[in-house]
C-alpha atoms as a PDB file:
ATOM      1  CA  MET A   1     -55.895 -43.421 -59.492  1.00  0.00           C
ATOM      2  CA  ASN A   2     -57.048 -41.705 -62.391  1.00  0.00           C
ATOM      3  CA  THR A   3     -54.719 -39.706 -64.880  1.00  0.00           C
ATOM      4  CA  PHE A   4     -56.150 -36.294 -63.564  1.00  0.00           C
ATOM      5  CA  GLY A   5     -55.056 -37.035 -60.253  1.00  0.00           C
ATOM      6  CA  LYS A   6     -51.866 -38.287 -61.419  1.00  0.00           C
ATOM      7  CA  LEU A   7     -51.306 -34.894 -63.130  1.00  0.00           C
ATOM      8  CA  GLY A   8     -52.605 -32.894 -59.886  1.00  0.00           C
ATOM      9  CA  TRP A   9     -49.803 -34.933 -57.627  1.00  0.00           C
ATOM     10  CA  PHE A  10     -47.341 -33.910 -60.481  1.00  0.00           C
ATOM     11  CA  LEU A  11     -48.035 -30.338 -60.774  1.00  0.00           C
ATOM     12  CA  ALA A  12     -47.759 -30.075 -56.661  1.00  0.00           C
ATOM     13  CA  LEU A  13     -44.581 -31.268 -56.665  1.00  0.00           C
ATOM     14  CA  ILE A  14     -43.106 -29.412 -59.527  1.00  0.00           C
ATOM     15  CA  LEU A  15     -44.947 -26.287 -57.432  1.00  0.00           C
ATOM     16  CA  ALA A  16     -43.276 -27.532 -54.275  1.00  0.00           C
ATOM     17  CA  ILE A  17     -39.605 -27.831 -55.770  1.00  0.00           C
ATOM     18  CA  GLY A  18     -40.449 -24.510 -57.751  1.00  0.00           C
ATOM     19  CA  LEU A  19     -41.088 -23.107 -53.984  1.00  0.00           C
ATOM     20  CA  GLY A  20     -38.837 -24.645 -52.319  1.00  0.00           C
ATOM     21  CA  THR A  21     -35.980 -23.406 -54.683  1.00  0.00           C
ATOM     22  CA  MET A  22     -36.877 -19.703 -54.792  1.00  0.00           C
ATOM     23  CA  SER A  23     -37.176 -19.761 -50.792  1.00  0.00           C
ATOM     24  CA  TYR A  24     -33.638 -20.988 -51.238  1.00  0.00           C
ATOM     25  CA  THR A  25     -32.683 -18.646 -53.462  1.00  0.00           C
ATOM     26  CA  PHE A  26     -34.428 -15.387 -51.966  1.00  0.00           C
ATOM     27  CA  LEU A  27     -34.125 -16.579 -48.021  1.00  0.00           C
ATOM     28  CA  VAL A  28     -31.126 -18.689 -47.327  1.00  0.00           C
ATOM     29  CA  LYS A  29     -28.376 -17.667 -50.299  1.00  0.00           C
ATOM     30  CA  GLY A  30     -29.264 -14.109 -51.298  1.00  0.00           C
ATOM     31  CA  GLN A  31     -28.274 -12.378 -54.337  1.00  0.00           C
ATOM     32  CA  THR A  32     -24.762 -14.080 -54.399  1.00  0.00           C
ATOM     33  CA  VAL A  33     -21.986 -15.409 -56.559  1.00  0.00           C
ATOM     34  CA  PRO A  34     -18.509 -17.156 -55.911  1.00  0.00           C
ATOM     35  CA  TYR A  35     -15.464 -14.709 -56.035  1.00  0.00           C
ATOM     36  CA  ALA A  36     -12.242 -15.393 -57.046  1.00  0.00           C
ATOM     37  CA  ASP A  37     -10.469 -15.346 -53.493  1.00  0.00           C
ATOM     38  CA  GLY A  38     -13.134 -17.893 -52.308  1.00  0.00           C
ATOM     39  CA  ARG A  39     -15.583 -15.633 -50.592  1.00  0.00           C
ATOM     40  CA  THR A  40     -18.866 -14.939 -51.289  1.00  0.00           C
ATOM     41  CA  SER A  41     -19.749 -11.910 -53.297  1.00  0.00           C
ATOM     42  CA  VAL A  42     -22.802 -10.160 -52.400  1.00  0.00           C
ATOM     43  CA  LEU A  43     -24.232  -8.128 -55.196  1.00  0.00           C
ATOM     44  CA  LEU A  44     -26.363  -4.890 -54.394  1.00  0.00           C
ATOM     45  CA  SER A  45     -26.909  -1.466 -56.627  1.00  0.00           C
ATOM     46  CA  PRO A  46     -24.274   1.086 -55.869  1.00  0.00           C
ATOM     47  CA  ASP A  47     -26.335   2.968 -53.253  1.00  0.00           C
ATOM     48  CA  GLU A  48     -27.031   0.065 -51.210  1.00  0.00           C
ATOM     49  CA  ARG A  49     -23.450  -1.113 -51.350  1.00  0.00           C
ATOM     50  CA  ASN A  50     -22.718   2.329 -50.134  1.00  0.00           C
ATOM     51  CA  GLN A  51     -25.415   2.241 -47.951  1.00  0.00           C
ATOM     52  CA  VAL A  52     -24.120  -0.819 -46.251  1.00  0.00           C
ATOM     53  CA  LEU A  53     -20.293   0.276 -46.244  1.00  0.00           C
ATOM     54  CA  GLY A  54     -21.357   3.349 -44.437  1.00  0.00           C
ATOM     55  CA  GLU A  55     -23.125   1.038 -41.462  1.00  0.00           C
ATOM     56  CA  MET A  56     -19.677  -1.058 -41.324  1.00  0.00           C
ATOM     57  CA  ARG A  57     -17.643   2.062 -40.861  1.00  0.00           C
ATOM     58  CA  ALA A  58     -20.027   3.342 -38.520  1.00  0.00           C
ATOM     59  CA  ILE A  59     -19.760  -0.039 -36.796  1.00  0.00           C
ATOM     60  CA  LEU A  60     -16.121   0.859 -36.478  1.00  0.00           C
ATOM     61  CA  ALA A  61     -15.935   4.359 -35.406  1.00  0.00           C
ATOM     62  CA  GLY A  62     -18.363   3.348 -32.536  1.00  0.00           C
ATOM     63  CA  VAL A  63     -15.963   0.550 -31.656  1.00  0.00           C
ATOM     64  CA  GLN A  64     -12.964   3.154 -31.981  1.00  0.00           C
ATOM     65  CA  GLU A  65     -15.130   5.432 -29.413  1.00  0.00           C
ATOM     66  CA  ILE A  66     -16.146   2.905 -27.248  1.00  0.00           C
ATOM     67  CA  GLN A  67     -12.473   2.065 -26.734  1.00  0.00           C
ATOM     68  CA  GLU A  68     -11.359   5.599 -25.972  1.00  0.00           C
ATOM     69  CA  SER A  69     -13.969   6.220 -23.627  1.00  0.00           C
ATOM     70  CA  VAL A  70     -13.098   2.895 -21.527  1.00  0.00           C
ATOM     71  CA  LEU A  71      -9.460   3.611 -21.809  1.00  0.00           C
ATOM     72  CA  ALA A  72      -9.904   7.088 -20.403  1.00  0.00           C
ATOM     73  CA  GLY A  73     -12.075   5.530 -17.469  1.00  0.00           C
ATOM     74  CA  ASP A  74     -15.327   7.307 -18.661  1.00  0.00           C
ATOM     75  CA  MET A  75     -17.793   4.391 -18.910  1.00  0.00           C
ATOM     76  CA  GLU A  76     -21.216   6.105 -19.114  1.00  0.00           C
ATOM     77  CA  PRO A  77     -20.616   7.227 -22.783  1.00  0.00           C
ATOM     78  CA  ALA A  78     -18.872   4.395 -23.708  1.00  0.00           C
ATOM     79  CA  ALA A  79     -21.943   2.281 -22.693  1.00  0.00           C
ATOM     80  CA  ALA A  80     -24.633   5.030 -24.136  1.00  0.00           C
ATOM     81  CA  ARG A  81     -22.311   4.141 -27.493  1.00  0.00           C
ATOM     82  CA  ALA A  82     -22.596   0.481 -27.470  1.00  0.00           C
ATOM     83  CA  THR A  83     -26.382   0.688 -26.652  1.00  0.00           C
ATOM     84  CA  SER A  84     -26.790   3.172 -29.953  1.00  0.00           C
ATOM     85  CA  MET A  85     -25.166   0.331 -31.853  1.00  0.00           C
ATOM     86  CA  GLY A  86     -27.198  -2.511 -30.306  1.00  0.00           C
ATOM     87  CA  MET A  87     -30.787  -3.726 -31.581  1.00  0.00           C
ATOM     88  CA  ALA A  88     -31.852  -0.524 -31.918  1.00  0.00           C
ATOM     89  CA  ALA A  89     -29.659   0.382 -34.916  1.00  0.00           C
ATOM     90  CA  ALA A  90     -30.783  -3.028 -36.626  1.00  0.00           C
ATOM     91  CA  ASN A  91     -33.106  -1.362 -38.980  1.00  0.00           C
ATOM     92  CA  ALA A  92     -31.859  -3.053 -42.714  1.00  0.00           C
ATOM     93  CA  ASP A  93     -33.698  -1.623 -45.673  1.00  0.00           C
ATOM     94  CA  ALA A  94     -36.140  -4.617 -46.766  1.00  0.00           C
ATOM     95  CA  GLN A  95     -34.831  -4.350 -50.207  1.00  0.00           C
ATOM     96  CA  ILE A  96     -31.290  -4.685 -49.043  1.00  0.00           C
ATOM     97  CA  LEU A  97     -32.221  -7.733 -46.549  1.00  0.00           C
ATOM     98  CA  ALA A  98     -33.867  -9.543 -49.844  1.00  0.00           C
ATOM     99  CA  LYS A  99     -30.531  -9.519 -51.465  1.00  0.00           C
ATOM    100  CA  LEU A 100     -28.654 -10.889 -48.543  1.00  0.00           C
ATOM    101  CA  PRO A 101     -27.316 -14.070 -47.322  1.00  0.00           C
ATOM    102  CA  LEU A 102     -29.230 -15.555 -44.375  1.00  0.00           C
ATOM    103  CA  GLU A 103     -25.743 -15.752 -42.692  1.00  0.00           C
ATOM    104  CA  PHE A 104     -24.810 -12.332 -43.398  1.00  0.00           C
ATOM    105  CA  SER A 105     -27.851 -11.409 -41.863  1.00  0.00           C
ATOM    106  CA  THR A 106     -27.666 -13.385 -39.005  1.00  0.00           C
ATOM    107  CA  LEU A 107     -23.905 -12.425 -38.377  1.00  0.00           C
ATOM    108  CA  GLY A 108     -25.252  -8.623 -38.561  1.00  0.00           C
ATOM    109  CA  LEU A 109     -27.969  -9.451 -35.932  1.00  0.00           C
ATOM    110  CA  SER A 110     -25.619 -11.301 -33.695  1.00  0.00           C
ATOM    111  CA  LEU A 111     -23.312  -8.156 -34.159  1.00  0.00           C
ATOM    112  CA  HIS A 112     -25.991  -6.022 -33.041  1.00  0.00           C
ATOM    113  CA  ARG A 113     -27.317  -8.178 -29.856  1.00  0.00           C
ATOM    114  CA  SER A 114     -23.347  -8.292 -28.970  1.00  0.00           C
ATOM    115  CA  PHE A 115     -23.147  -4.491 -28.827  1.00  0.00           C
ATOM    116  CA  ASP A 116     -26.525  -4.329 -26.265  1.00  0.00           C
ATOM    117  CA  ASP A 117     -24.291  -6.862 -24.268  1.00  0.00           C
ATOM    118  CA  LEU A 118     -21.082  -5.272 -24.023  1.00  0.00           C
ATOM    119  CA  ALA A 119     -23.408  -1.981 -22.906  1.00  0.00           C
ATOM    120  CA  GLN A 120     -24.363  -3.837 -19.958  1.00  0.00           C
ATOM    121  CA  THR A 121     -21.042  -5.045 -19.135  1.00  0.00           C
ATOM    122  CA  ILE A 122     -19.416  -1.579 -19.544  1.00  0.00           C
ATOM    123  CA  SER A 123     -22.643  -0.472 -17.216  1.00  0.00           C
ATOM    124  CA  GLY A 124     -21.752  -3.038 -14.655  1.00  0.00           C
ATOM    125  CA  THR A 125     -17.616  -2.720 -14.366  1.00  0.00           C
ATOM    126  CA  ASP A 126     -14.750  -0.190 -14.316  1.00  0.00           C
ATOM    127  CA  ASP A 127     -12.153  -2.359 -15.412  1.00  0.00           C
ATOM    128  CA  PRO A 128     -11.295  -1.702 -18.633  1.00  0.00           C
ATOM    129  CA  LEU A 129      -9.622  -4.989 -19.315  1.00  0.00           C
ATOM    130  CA  VAL A 130     -13.115  -6.534 -18.880  1.00  0.00           C
ATOM    131  CA  VAL A 131     -14.908  -4.607 -21.743  1.00  0.00           C
ATOM    132  CA  ILE A 132     -11.678  -4.561 -23.953  1.00  0.00           C
ATOM    133  CA  GLY A 133     -12.223  -8.571 -23.904  1.00  0.00           C
ATOM    134  CA  GLU A 134     -15.491  -8.297 -24.910  1.00  0.00           C
ATOM    135  CA  VAL A 135     -14.910  -5.766 -27.731  1.00  0.00           C
ATOM    136  CA  THR A 136     -12.116  -8.561 -29.021  1.00  0.00           C
ATOM    137  CA  ASP A 137     -14.660 -11.136 -29.296  1.00  0.00           C
ATOM    138  CA  LEU A 138     -17.115  -8.983 -30.696  1.00  0.00           C
ATOM    139  CA  MET A 139     -14.761  -7.792 -33.221  1.00  0.00           C
ATOM    140  CA  LEU A 140     -14.229 -11.952 -34.325  1.00  0.00           C
ATOM    141  CA  GLN A 141     -17.824 -11.390 -35.553  1.00  0.00           C
ATOM    142  CA  CYS A 142     -16.592  -8.755 -37.953  1.00  0.00           C
ATOM    143  CA  VAL A 143     -13.595 -10.721 -38.911  1.00  0.00           C
ATOM    144  CA  ALA A 144     -15.729 -13.857 -39.718  1.00  0.00           C
ATOM    145  CA  CYS A 145     -18.396 -11.928 -42.198  1.00  0.00           C
ATOM    146  CA  HIS A 146     -15.371 -10.299 -44.214  1.00  0.00           C
ATOM    147  CA  ASP A 147     -13.400 -13.443 -44.901  1.00  0.00           C
ATOM    148  CA  THR A 148     -16.885 -14.865 -45.911  1.00  0.00           C
ATOM    149  CA  TYR A 149     -18.418 -12.094 -47.722  1.00  0.00           C
ATOM    150  CA  ARG A 150     -17.343  -9.129 -49.939  1.00  0.00           C
ATOM    151  CA  LEU A 151     -19.857  -6.813 -51.673  1.00  0.00           C
ATOM    152  CA  GLY A 152     -19.998  -6.373 -54.912  1.00  0.00           C
ATOM    153  CA  ILE A 153     -22.114  -4.452 -57.793  1.00  0.00           C
ATOM    154  CA  GLU A 154     -24.910  -6.142 -59.847  1.00  0.00           C
ATOM    155  CA  GLY A 155     -24.217  -6.146 -63.099  1.00  0.00           C
ATOM    156  CA  GLU A 156     -20.436  -5.843 -62.777  1.00  0.00           C
ATOM    157  CA  ALA A 157     -17.987  -8.533 -64.129  1.00  0.00           C
ATOM    158  CA  VAL A 158     -15.505  -8.336 -61.042  1.00  0.00           C
ATOM    159  CA  ALA A 159     -18.335  -9.406 -58.539  1.00  0.00           C
ATOM    160  CA  ALA A 160     -18.010 -13.014 -60.012  1.00  0.00           C
ATOM    161  CA  GLY A 161     -14.383 -13.004 -59.873  1.00  0.00           C
ATOM    162  CA  LYS A 162     -13.698 -12.454 -63.328  1.00  0.00           C
END
């Protein structure tokens, strides 16, 4: 093989390594740093952080509304609320998605699918214990995410646990 051929293979290898590293960083790792408490800090702009936290608060409020309706024996509004929190609500901003680690995004999508499943369960039962059991399982996804991640702000030293 001549020198030009070897150089071509070498450049192709360097390019492949570079693309692999970039793919890992942008698609798997996201914009993250380790945090002092052992969690991973996802770095967002202040507005992006507020948007994600607002969505989390809406999920928490929705779970409370579902439980309240179910315990009152009013399944129809509970099913409607669960449906509104399902995949129909999974409309994250592309700029934010690019900063989220793949596992964070996967947990979020799984949570939305779980709300669709919950809506079906609610529509198919009049037993509040069945629904509360499924809500309990659903909330484990929230706990797993909050145990693993925190939302930091880009450029703040505290985001890196300093």
